[in-house]
Amino acid sequence: MGWLWAIIVGFVLGLIAKAVIPGKQHMPLWLTTICGMLGAIVGNAVARAFGVAATPGIDWTRHAFQLVAAIIIVAVGDMAYMATIGRHKQRA
């Protein structure tokens, strides 16, 4: 059940990150989901480093760290994806 939640949270974070980033992102949905999952993991680690432990109820601070990490990872991932696709189109 943990993997299912990780995929759902990654999907939602990835979509929100794509909506926040200006311009069009060309990454496929599966890669956006993976970047969102990585953003959740990195955001949790950063939150722990800042001393934000699990709290009862909704932990908005941890979610904010996750979203910021997802935005950064989706932006970098899209640039890398486009660089890779661009290289493949030049060879063809």
C-alpha atoms as a PDB file:
ATOM      1  CA  MET A   1       0.000   0.000   0.000  1.00  0.00           C
ATOM      2  CA  GLY A   2       2.971   2.324   0.592  1.00  0.00           C
ATOM      3  CA  TRP A   3       3.997   2.213  -3.073  1.00  0.00           C
ATOM      4  CA  LEU A   4       0.485   3.083  -4.191  1.00  0.00           C
ATOM      5  CA  TRP A   5       0.463   6.196  -1.989  1.00  0.00           C
ATOM      6  CA  ALA A   6       3.945   7.125  -3.209  1.00  0.00           C
ATOM      7  CA  ILE A   7       2.747   6.957  -6.819  1.00  0.00           C
ATOM      8  CA  ILE A   8      -0.407   8.961  -6.065  1.00  0.00           C
ATOM      9  CA  VAL A   9       1.486  11.652  -4.129  1.00  0.00           C
ATOM     10  CA  GLY A  10       4.190  11.783  -6.818  1.00  0.00           C
ATOM     11  CA  PHE A  11       1.554  12.146  -9.524  1.00  0.00           C
ATOM     12  CA  VAL A  12      -0.189  15.000  -7.710  1.00  0.00           C
ATOM     13  CA  LEU A  13       3.062  16.796  -6.802  1.00  0.00           C
ATOM     14  CA  GLY A  14       4.331  16.425 -10.366  1.00  0.00           C
ATOM     15  CA  LEU A  15       1.155  17.869 -11.843  1.00  0.00           C
ATOM     16  CA  ILE A  16       1.142  20.798  -9.410  1.00  0.00           C
ATOM     17  CA  ALA A  17       4.814  21.443 -10.175  1.00  0.00           C
ATOM     18  CA  LYS A  18       4.092  21.428 -13.920  1.00  0.00           C
ATOM     19  CA  ALA A  19       1.244  23.891 -13.370  1.00  0.00           C
ATOM     20  CA  VAL A  20       3.465  26.257 -11.354  1.00  0.00           C
ATOM     21  CA  ILE A  21       6.418  26.252 -13.766  1.00  0.00           C
ATOM     22  CA  PRO A  22       5.879  28.831 -16.524  1.00  0.00           C
ATOM     23  CA  GLY A  23       5.831  27.634 -20.109  1.00  0.00           C
ATOM     24  CA  LYS A  24       5.208  24.202 -21.535  1.00  0.00           C
ATOM     25  CA  GLN A  25       6.917  21.147 -20.147  1.00  0.00           C
ATOM     26  CA  HIS A  26       7.501  18.328 -22.584  1.00  0.00           C
ATOM     27  CA  MET A  27       8.073  15.464 -20.148  1.00  0.00           C
ATOM     28  CA  PRO A  28       5.740  12.483 -20.402  1.00  0.00           C
ATOM     29  CA  LEU A  29       3.353  11.834 -17.534  1.00  0.00           C
ATOM     30  CA  TRP A  30       5.272   8.818 -16.213  1.00  0.00           C
ATOM     31  CA  LEU A  31       8.444  10.903 -15.883  1.00  0.00           C
ATOM     32  CA  THR A  32       6.513  13.717 -14.208  1.00  0.00           C
ATOM     33  CA  THR A  33       5.209  11.192 -11.664  1.00  0.00           C
ATOM     34  CA  ILE A  34       8.718   9.902 -10.955  1.00  0.00           C
ATOM     35  CA  CYS A  35      10.000  13.475 -10.509  1.00  0.00           C
ATOM     36  CA  GLY A  36       7.103  14.165  -8.144  1.00  0.00           C
ATOM     37  CA  MET A  37       7.970  11.050  -6.128  1.00  0.00           C
ATOM     38  CA  LEU A  38      11.587  12.194  -5.916  1.00  0.00           C
ATOM     39  CA  GLY A  39      10.374  15.632  -4.844  1.00  0.00           C
ATOM     40  CA  ALA A  40       8.384  14.054  -2.012  1.00  0.00           C
ATOM     41  CA  ILE A  41      11.418  12.087  -0.835  1.00  0.00           C
ATOM     42  CA  VAL A  42      13.763  15.078  -1.019  1.00  0.00           C
ATOM     43  CA  GLY A  43      11.185  17.359   0.604  1.00  0.00           C
ATOM     44  CA  ASN A  44      10.777  14.947   3.516  1.00  0.00           C
ATOM     45  CA  ALA A  45      14.551  14.787   3.981  1.00  0.00           C
ATOM     46  CA  VAL A  46      14.876  18.581   3.943  1.00  0.00           C
ATOM     47  CA  ALA A  47      11.966  18.924   6.375  1.00  0.00           C
ATOM     48  CA  ARG A  48      13.647  16.459   8.754  1.00  0.00           C
ATOM     49  CA  ALA A  49      16.912  18.391   8.433  1.00  0.00           C
ATOM     50  CA  PHE A  50      15.079  21.573   9.464  1.00  0.00           C
ATOM     51  CA  GLY A  51      13.590  19.780  12.455  1.00  0.00           C
ATOM     52  CA  VAL A  52      10.041  19.387  11.155  1.00  0.00           C
ATOM     53  CA  ALA A  53       8.926  16.095  12.657  1.00  0.00           C
ATOM     54  CA  ALA A  54       5.649  14.311  12.064  1.00  0.00           C
ATOM     55  CA  THR A  55       2.861  16.295  13.637  1.00  0.00           C
ATOM     56  CA  PRO A  56      -0.746  15.396  14.311  1.00  0.00           C
ATOM     57  CA  GLY A  57      -3.040  16.606  11.557  1.00  0.00           C
ATOM     58  CA  ILE A  58      -1.872  18.089   8.281  1.00  0.00           C
ATOM     59  CA  ASP A  59       1.798  19.045   8.252  1.00  0.00           C
ATOM     60  CA  TRP A  60       1.771  22.035   5.898  1.00  0.00           C
ATOM     61  CA  THR A  61       5.456  22.815   6.364  1.00  0.00           C
ATOM     62  CA  ARG A  62       6.517  19.355   5.194  1.00  0.00           C
ATOM     63  CA  HIS A  63       4.163  19.572   2.222  1.00  0.00           C
ATOM     64  CA  ALA A  64       5.609  22.962   1.273  1.00  0.00           C
ATOM     65  CA  PHE A  65       9.130  21.476   1.289  1.00  0.00           C
ATOM     66  CA  GLN A  66       7.891  18.581  -0.863  1.00  0.00           C
ATOM     67  CA  LEU A  67       6.272  20.934  -3.372  1.00  0.00           C
ATOM     68  CA  VAL A  68       9.332  23.175  -3.667  1.00  0.00           C
ATOM     69  CA  ALA A  69      11.556  20.125  -4.174  1.00  0.00           C
ATOM     70  CA  ALA A  70       9.146  18.738  -6.783  1.00  0.00           C
ATOM     71  CA  ILE A  71       9.107  22.052  -8.672  1.00  0.00           C
ATOM     72  CA  ILE A  72      12.908  22.107  -8.808  1.00  0.00           C
ATOM     73  CA  ILE A  73      13.192  18.443  -9.817  1.00  0.00           C
ATOM     74  CA  VAL A  74      10.484  18.717 -12.500  1.00  0.00           C
ATOM     75  CA  ALA A  75      12.151  21.829 -13.963  1.00  0.00           C
ATOM     76  CA  VAL A  76      15.582  20.190 -14.057  1.00  0.00           C
ATOM     77  CA  GLY A  77      14.098  16.916 -15.304  1.00  0.00           C
ATOM     78  CA  ASP A  78      12.296  18.679 -18.149  1.00  0.00           C
ATOM     79  CA  MET A  79      15.499  20.446 -19.204  1.00  0.00           C
ATOM     80  CA  ALA A  80      17.368  17.137 -19.181  1.00  0.00           C
ATOM     81  CA  TYR A  81      14.549  15.428 -21.075  1.00  0.00           C
ATOM     82  CA  MET A  82      14.515  18.107 -23.756  1.00  0.00           C
ATOM     83  CA  ALA A  83      18.316  18.006 -24.058  1.00  0.00           C
ATOM     84  CA  THR A  84      18.141  14.248 -24.566  1.00  0.00           C
ATOM     85  CA  ILE A  85      15.286  14.445 -27.070  1.00  0.00           C
ATOM     86  CA  GLY A  86      17.037  17.261 -28.939  1.00  0.00           C
ATOM     87  CA  ARG A  87      20.173  15.147 -29.267  1.00  0.00           C
ATOM     88  CA  HIS A  88      18.146  12.252 -30.662  1.00  0.00           C
ATOM     89  CA  LYS A  89      16.393  14.483 -33.218  1.00  0.00           C
ATOM     90  CA  GLN A  90      19.733  15.839 -34.477  1.00  0.00           C
ATOM     91  CA  ARG A  91      20.988  12.297 -35.230  1.00  0.00           C
ATOM     92  CA  ALA A  92      17.903  11.351 -37.238  1.00  0.00           C
END
